[in-house]
């Protein structure tokens, strides 16, 4: 199956799968006052892994998935 084959809930084609990357600065701001060391985090739509990398660097245990092979790293 290719991402182009997927359809949204409305039945309309989801060719681009609507990708909204989280800027690194936003993730840093979110993690600034949080201790995620040792916490399990699920990233069900990981995109290019911007948040995943920062969560791992902060010590979180991350399980991530990305359906678009062009974005998965």
PDB file of N, CA and C in Angstrom:
ATOM      1  N   UNK A   1       0.843  -1.180   0.000  1.00  0.00           N
ATOM      2  CA  UNK A   1       0.000   0.000   0.000  1.00  0.00           C
ATOM      3  C   UNK A   1       0.887   1.242   0.000  1.00  0.00           C
ATOM      4  N   UNK A   2       0.483   2.210  -0.771  1.00  0.00           N
ATOM      5  CA  UNK A   2       1.199   3.471  -0.834  1.00  0.00           C
ATOM      6  C   UNK A   2       0.376   4.546  -0.127  1.00  0.00           C
ATOM      7  N   UNK A   3       1.012   5.589   0.397  1.00  0.00           N
ATOM      8  CA  UNK A   3       0.248   6.668   1.033  1.00  0.00           C
ATOM      9  C   UNK A   3      -0.820   7.245   0.115  1.00  0.00           C
ATOM     10  N   UNK A   4      -0.545   7.270  -1.188  1.00  0.00           N
ATOM     11  CA  UNK A   4      -1.525   7.801  -2.136  1.00  0.00           C
ATOM     12  C   UNK A   4      -2.808   6.967  -2.168  1.00  0.00           C
ATOM     13  N   UNK A   5      -2.709   5.727  -1.715  1.00  0.00           N
ATOM     14  CA  UNK A   5      -3.876   4.843  -1.725  1.00  0.00           C
ATOM     15  C   UNK A   5      -4.810   5.077  -0.542  1.00  0.00           C
ATOM     16  N   UNK A   6      -4.342   5.807   0.451  1.00  0.00           N
ATOM     17  CA  UNK A   6      -5.136   6.019   1.653  1.00  0.00           C
ATOM     18  C   UNK A   6      -6.225   7.044   1.412  1.00  0.00           C
ATOM     19  N   UNK A   7      -7.295   6.908   2.141  1.00  0.00           N
ATOM     20  CA  UNK A   7      -8.400   7.860   2.038  1.00  0.00           C
ATOM     21  C   UNK A   7      -8.729   8.377   3.429  1.00  0.00           C
ATOM     22  N   UNK A   8      -9.156   9.626   3.492  1.00  0.00           N
ATOM     23  CA  UNK A   8      -9.527  10.231   4.762  1.00  0.00           C
ATOM     24  C   UNK A   8     -10.896   9.698   5.203  1.00  0.00           C
ATOM     25  N   UNK A   9     -11.331  10.094   6.378  1.00  0.00           N
ATOM     26  CA  UNK A   9     -12.626   9.677   6.904  1.00  0.00           C
ATOM     27  C   UNK A   9     -13.754  10.079   5.959  1.00  0.00           C
ATOM     28  N   UNK A  10     -13.596  11.227   5.307  1.00  0.00           N
ATOM     29  CA  UNK A  10     -14.634  11.713   4.399  1.00  0.00           C
ATOM     30  C   UNK A  10     -14.652  10.934   3.089  1.00  0.00           C
ATOM     31  N   UNK A  11     -13.634  10.113   2.858  1.00  0.00           N
ATOM     32  CA  UNK A  11     -13.555   9.371   1.614  1.00  0.00           C
ATOM     33  C   UNK A  11     -12.765  10.095   0.539  1.00  0.00           C
ATOM     34  N   UNK A  12     -12.380  11.341   0.806  1.00  0.00           N
ATOM     35  CA  UNK A  12     -11.597  12.093  -0.160  1.00  0.00           C
ATOM     36  C   UNK A  12     -10.144  11.627  -0.129  1.00  0.00           C
ATOM     37  N   UNK A  13      -9.476  11.630  -1.256  1.00  0.00           N
ATOM     38  CA  UNK A  13      -8.068  11.212  -1.257  1.00  0.00           C
ATOM     39  C   UNK A  13      -7.218  12.097  -0.359  1.00  0.00           C
ATOM     40  N   UNK A  14      -6.309  11.472   0.363  1.00  0.00           N
ATOM     41  CA  UNK A  14      -5.364  12.194   1.215  1.00  0.00           C
ATOM     42  C   UNK A  14      -3.982  12.056   0.607  1.00  0.00           C
ATOM     43  N   UNK A  15      -3.781  12.647  -0.539  1.00  0.00           N
ATOM     44  CA  UNK A  15      -2.532  12.487  -1.264  1.00  0.00           C
ATOM     45  C   UNK A  15      -1.339  12.987  -0.469  1.00  0.00           C
ATOM     46  N   UNK A  16      -1.449  14.139   0.154  1.00  0.00           N
ATOM     47  CA  UNK A  16      -0.315  14.713   0.871  1.00  0.00           C
ATOM     48  C   UNK A  16      -0.240  14.277   2.326  1.00  0.00           C
ATOM     49  N   UNK A  17      -1.253  13.637   2.835  1.00  0.00           N
ATOM     50  CA  UNK A  17      -1.310  13.189   4.227  1.00  0.00           C
ATOM     51  C   UNK A  17      -1.040  14.321   5.203  1.00  0.00           C
ATOM     52  N   UNK A  18      -1.305  15.529   4.807  1.00  0.00           N
ATOM     53  CA  UNK A  18      -1.224  16.728   5.630  1.00  0.00           C
ATOM     54  C   UNK A  18      -0.104  16.676   6.655  1.00  0.00           C
ATOM     55  N   UNK A  19       1.032  17.184   6.274  1.00  0.00           N
ATOM     56  CA  UNK A  19       2.232  17.154   7.096  1.00  0.00           C
ATOM     57  C   UNK A  19       2.471  18.529   7.695  1.00  0.00           C
ATOM     58  N   UNK A  20       2.463  18.602   9.026  1.00  0.00           N
ATOM     59  CA  UNK A  20       2.689  19.852   9.750  1.00  0.00           C
ATOM     60  C   UNK A  20       3.844  19.633  10.724  1.00  0.00           C
ATOM     61  N   UNK A  21       5.077  19.844  10.287  1.00  0.00           N
ATOM     62  CA  UNK A  21       6.209  19.587  11.182  1.00  0.00           C
ATOM     63  C   UNK A  21       6.239  20.553  12.360  1.00  0.00           C
ATOM     64  N   UNK A  22       6.571  20.029  13.519  1.00  0.00           N
ATOM     65  CA  UNK A  22       6.695  20.863  14.716  1.00  0.00           C
ATOM     66  C   UNK A  22       8.083  21.489  14.724  1.00  0.00           C
ATOM     67  N   UNK A  23       8.166  22.810  14.776  1.00  0.00           N
ATOM     68  CA  UNK A  23       9.486  23.465  14.814  1.00  0.00           C
ATOM     69  C   UNK A  23      10.265  23.048  16.060  1.00  0.00           C
ATOM     70  N   UNK A  24      11.579  22.912  15.902  1.00  0.00           N
ATOM     71  CA  UNK A  24      12.430  22.525  17.034  1.00  0.00           C
ATOM     72  C   UNK A  24      12.241  23.450  18.231  1.00  0.00           C
ATOM     73  N   UNK A  25      12.091  24.744  17.979  1.00  0.00           N
ATOM     74  CA  UNK A  25      11.936  25.710  19.078  1.00  0.00           C
ATOM     75  C   UNK A  25      10.681  25.422  19.896  1.00  0.00           C
ATOM     76  N   UNK A  26       9.616  24.965  19.249  1.00  0.00           N
ATOM     77  CA  UNK A  26       8.368  24.659  19.957  1.00  0.00           C
ATOM     78  C   UNK A  26       8.563  23.429  20.838  1.00  0.00           C
ATOM     79  N   UNK A  27       9.227  22.419  20.314  1.00  0.00           N
ATOM     80  CA  UNK A  27       9.478  21.218  21.115  1.00  0.00           C
ATOM     81  C   UNK A  27      10.358  21.549  22.312  1.00  0.00           C
ATOM     82  N   UNK A  28      11.403  22.344  22.070  1.00  0.00           N
ATOM     83  CA  UNK A  28      12.270  22.752  23.196  1.00  0.00           C
ATOM     84  C   UNK A  28      11.469  23.488  24.262  1.00  0.00           C
ATOM     85  N   UNK A  29      10.581  24.373  23.849  1.00  0.00           N
ATOM     86  CA  UNK A  29       9.744  25.113  24.792  1.00  0.00           C
ATOM     87  C   UNK A  29       8.852  24.172  25.595  1.00  0.00           C
ATOM     88  N   UNK A  30       8.271  23.191  24.918  1.00  0.00           N
ATOM     89  CA  UNK A  30       7.404  22.223  25.606  1.00  0.00           C
ATOM     90  C   UNK A  30       8.166  21.375  26.613  1.00  0.00           C
ATOM     91  N   UNK A  31       9.411  21.047  26.277  1.00  0.00           N
ATOM     92  CA  UNK A  31      10.208  20.175  27.152  1.00  0.00           C
ATOM     93  C   UNK A  31      10.984  20.933  28.217  1.00  0.00           C
ATOM     94  N   UNK A  32      11.021  22.236  28.105  1.00  0.00           N
ATOM     95  CA  UNK A  32      11.854  23.053  28.994  1.00  0.00           C
ATOM     96  C   UNK A  32      11.586  22.774  30.474  1.00  0.00           C
ATOM     97  N   UNK A  33      10.351  22.657  30.864  1.00  0.00           N
ATOM     98  CA  UNK A  33      10.008  22.474  32.276  1.00  0.00           C
ATOM     99  C   UNK A  33       9.468  21.077  32.581  1.00  0.00           C
ATOM    100  N   UNK A  34       9.732  20.149  31.687  1.00  0.00           N
ATOM    101  CA  UNK A  34       9.232  18.787  31.874  1.00  0.00           C
ATOM    102  C   UNK A  34      10.391  17.809  31.993  1.00  0.00           C
ATOM    103  N   UNK A  35      10.246  16.839  32.866  1.00  0.00           N
ATOM    104  CA  UNK A  35      11.229  15.772  32.989  1.00  0.00           C
ATOM    105  C   UNK A  35      10.630  14.532  32.330  1.00  0.00           C
ATOM    106  N   UNK A  36      11.125  14.194  31.157  1.00  0.00           N
ATOM    107  CA  UNK A  36      10.586  13.033  30.441  1.00  0.00           C
ATOM    108  C   UNK A  36      11.524  11.837  30.521  1.00  0.00           C
ATOM    109  N   UNK A  37      12.611  11.975  31.275  1.00  0.00           N
ATOM    110  CA  UNK A  37      13.571  10.869  31.385  1.00  0.00           C
ATOM    111  C   UNK A  37      12.875   9.605  31.871  1.00  0.00           C
ATOM    112  N   UNK A  38      13.004   8.537  31.061  1.00  0.00           N
ATOM    113  CA  UNK A  38      12.431   7.242  31.419  1.00  0.00           C
ATOM    114  C   UNK A  38      10.959   7.083  31.097  1.00  0.00           C
ATOM    115  N   UNK A  39      10.308   8.122  30.627  1.00  0.00           N
ATOM    116  CA  UNK A  39       8.876   8.050  30.315  1.00  0.00           C
ATOM    117  C   UNK A  39       8.689   7.492  28.906  1.00  0.00           C
ATOM    118  N   UNK A  40       7.707   6.616  28.743  1.00  0.00           N
ATOM    119  CA  UNK A  40       7.389   6.070  27.422  1.00  0.00           C
ATOM    120  C   UNK A  40       6.494   7.044  26.668  1.00  0.00           C
ATOM    121  N   UNK A  41       6.886   7.351  25.424  1.00  0.00           N
ATOM    122  CA  UNK A  41       6.145   8.298  24.594  1.00  0.00           C
ATOM    123  C   UNK A  41       5.826   7.616  23.271  1.00  0.00           C
ATOM    124  N   UNK A  42       4.580   7.716  22.823  1.00  0.00           N
ATOM    125  CA  UNK A  42       4.164   7.180  21.537  1.00  0.00           C
ATOM    126  C   UNK A  42       4.038   8.326  20.547  1.00  0.00           C
ATOM    127  N   UNK A  43       4.711   8.200  19.410  1.00  0.00           N
ATOM    128  CA  UNK A  43       4.596   9.172  18.321  1.00  0.00           C
ATOM    129  C   UNK A  43       3.939   8.487  17.141  1.00  0.00           C
ATOM    130  N   UNK A  44       2.586   8.482  17.073  1.00  0.00           N
ATOM    131  CA  UNK A  44       1.896   7.722  16.026  1.00  0.00           C
ATOM    132  C   UNK A  44       1.970   8.346  14.645  1.00  0.00           C
ATOM    133  N   UNK A  45       2.453   9.553  14.550  1.00  0.00           N
ATOM    134  CA  UNK A  45       2.603  10.218  13.259  1.00  0.00           C
ATOM    135  C   UNK A  45       3.878  11.054  13.349  1.00  0.00           C
ATOM    136  N   UNK A  46       5.007  10.367  13.304  1.00  0.00           N
ATOM    137  CA  UNK A  46       6.289  10.977  13.658  1.00  0.00           C
ATOM    138  C   UNK A  46       6.881  11.900  12.600  1.00  0.00           C
ATOM    139  N   UNK A  47       6.363  11.872  11.402  1.00  0.00           N
ATOM    140  CA  UNK A  47       6.894  12.751  10.362  1.00  0.00           C
ATOM    141  C   UNK A  47       8.372  12.503  10.125  1.00  0.00           C
ATOM    142  N   UNK A  48       9.155  13.551  10.132  1.00  0.00           N
ATOM    143  CA  UNK A  48      10.598  13.424   9.909  1.00  0.00           C
ATOM    144  C   UNK A  48      11.382  13.220  11.203  1.00  0.00           C
ATOM    145  N   UNK A  49      10.685  13.137  12.321  1.00  0.00           N
ATOM    146  CA  UNK A  49      11.326  12.808  13.593  1.00  0.00           C
ATOM    147  C   UNK A  49      11.834  13.986  14.401  1.00  0.00           C
ATOM    148  N   UNK A  50      11.407  15.196  14.085  1.00  0.00           N
ATOM    149  CA  UNK A  50      11.874  16.367  14.839  1.00  0.00           C
ATOM    150  C   UNK A  50      11.630  16.207  16.334  1.00  0.00           C
ATOM    151  N   UNK A  51      10.407  15.881  16.707  1.00  0.00           N
ATOM    152  CA  UNK A  51      10.092  15.732  18.134  1.00  0.00           C
ATOM    153  C   UNK A  51      10.758  14.489  18.714  1.00  0.00           C
ATOM    154  N   UNK A  52      10.802  13.422  17.939  1.00  0.00           N
ATOM    155  CA  UNK A  52      11.384  12.166  18.414  1.00  0.00           C
ATOM    156  C   UNK A  52      12.836  12.378  18.838  1.00  0.00           C
ATOM    157  N   UNK A  53      13.618  13.049  18.010  1.00  0.00           N
ATOM    158  CA  UNK A  53      15.032  13.271  18.334  1.00  0.00           C
ATOM    159  C   UNK A  53      15.193  14.031  19.647  1.00  0.00           C
ATOM    160  N   UNK A  54      14.382  15.054  19.843  1.00  0.00           N
ATOM    161  CA  UNK A  54      14.513  15.844  21.076  1.00  0.00           C
ATOM    162  C   UNK A  54      14.025  15.070  22.298  1.00  0.00           C
ATOM    163  N   UNK A  55      12.980  14.282  22.124  1.00  0.00           N
ATOM    164  CA  UNK A  55      12.506  13.453  23.235  1.00  0.00           C
ATOM    165  C   UNK A  55      13.566  12.424  23.630  1.00  0.00           C
ATOM    166  N   UNK A  56      14.182  11.798  22.635  1.00  0.00           N
ATOM    167  CA  UNK A  56      15.248  10.835  22.928  1.00  0.00           C
ATOM    168  C   UNK A  56      16.414  11.508  23.634  1.00  0.00           C
ATOM    169  N   UNK A  57      16.788  12.683  23.171  1.00  0.00           N
ATOM    170  CA  UNK A  57      17.892  13.426  23.792  1.00  0.00           C
ATOM    171  C   UNK A  57      17.576  13.789  25.237  1.00  0.00           C
ATOM    172  N   UNK A  58      16.276  13.961  25.537  1.00  0.00           N
ATOM    173  CA  UNK A  58      15.856  14.303  26.901  1.00  0.00           C
ATOM    174  C   UNK A  58      15.669  13.060  27.764  1.00  0.00           C
ATOM    175  N   UNK A  59      15.897  11.870  27.183  1.00  0.00           N
ATOM    176  CA  UNK A  59      15.843  10.644  27.966  1.00  0.00           C
ATOM    177  C   UNK A  59      14.544   9.872  27.906  1.00  0.00           C
ATOM    178  N   UNK A  60      13.624  10.263  27.052  1.00  0.00           N
ATOM    179  CA  UNK A  60      12.357   9.534  26.928  1.00  0.00           C
ATOM    180  C   UNK A  60      12.570   8.239  26.142  1.00  0.00           C
ATOM    181  N   UNK A  61      11.698   7.281  26.376  1.00  0.00           N
ATOM    182  CA  UNK A  61      11.672   6.030  25.612  1.00  0.00           C
ATOM    183  C   UNK A  61      10.592   6.224  24.544  1.00  0.00           C
ATOM    184  N   UNK A  62      10.984   6.338  23.298  1.00  0.00           N
ATOM    185  CA  UNK A  62      10.055   6.706  22.241  1.00  0.00           C
ATOM    186  C   UNK A  62       9.769   5.536  21.311  1.00  0.00           C
ATOM    187  N   UNK A  63       8.492   5.313  21.050  1.00  0.00           N
ATOM    188  CA  UNK A  63       8.039   4.406  20.005  1.00  0.00           C
ATOM    189  C   UNK A  63       7.358   5.283  18.970  1.00  0.00           C
ATOM    190  N   UNK A  64       7.893   5.285  17.751  1.00  0.00           N
ATOM    191  CA  UNK A  64       7.381   6.190  16.729  1.00  0.00           C
ATOM    192  C   UNK A  64       7.042   5.437  15.454  1.00  0.00           C
ATOM    193  N   UNK A  65       6.040   5.951  14.746  1.00  0.00           N
ATOM    194  CA  UNK A  65       5.632   5.376  13.463  1.00  0.00           C
ATOM    195  C   UNK A  65       5.317   6.500  12.489  1.00  0.00           C
ATOM    196  N   UNK A  66       5.589   6.258  11.226  1.00  0.00           N
ATOM    197  CA  UNK A  66       5.262   7.209  10.175  1.00  0.00           C
ATOM    198  C   UNK A  66       4.848   6.409   8.938  1.00  0.00           C
ATOM    199  N   UNK A  67       3.657   6.675   8.432  1.00  0.00           N
ATOM    200  CA  UNK A  67       3.137   5.921   7.312  1.00  0.00           C
ATOM    201  C   UNK A  67       3.779   6.297   5.980  1.00  0.00           C
ATOM    202  N   UNK A  68       4.257   7.498   5.849  1.00  0.00           N
ATOM    203  CA  UNK A  68       4.846   7.962   4.593  1.00  0.00           C
ATOM    204  C   UNK A  68       6.333   7.603   4.562  1.00  0.00           C
ATOM    205  N   UNK A  69       6.727   6.662   3.726  1.00  0.00           N
ATOM    206  CA  UNK A  69       8.140   6.238   3.704  1.00  0.00           C
ATOM    207  C   UNK A  69       9.092   7.351   3.278  1.00  0.00           C
ATOM    208  N   UNK A  70       8.591   8.361   2.631  1.00  0.00           N
ATOM    209  CA  UNK A  70       9.429   9.481   2.233  1.00  0.00           C
ATOM    210  C   UNK A  70       9.811  10.371   3.400  1.00  0.00           C
ATOM    211  N   UNK A  71       9.042  10.308   4.477  1.00  0.00           N
ATOM    212  CA  UNK A  71       9.340  11.119   5.660  1.00  0.00           C
ATOM    213  C   UNK A  71       9.967  10.314   6.765  1.00  0.00           C
ATOM    214  N   UNK A  72       9.696   9.028   6.816  1.00  0.00           N
ATOM    215  CA  UNK A  72      10.213   8.192   7.898  1.00  0.00           C
ATOM    216  C   UNK A  72      11.731   8.131   7.836  1.00  0.00           C
ATOM    217  N   UNK A  73      12.334   8.291   9.002  1.00  0.00           N
ATOM    218  CA  UNK A  73      13.798   8.226   9.073  1.00  0.00           C
ATOM    219  C   UNK A  73      14.237   7.180  10.083  1.00  0.00           C
TER     220      UNK A  73
END
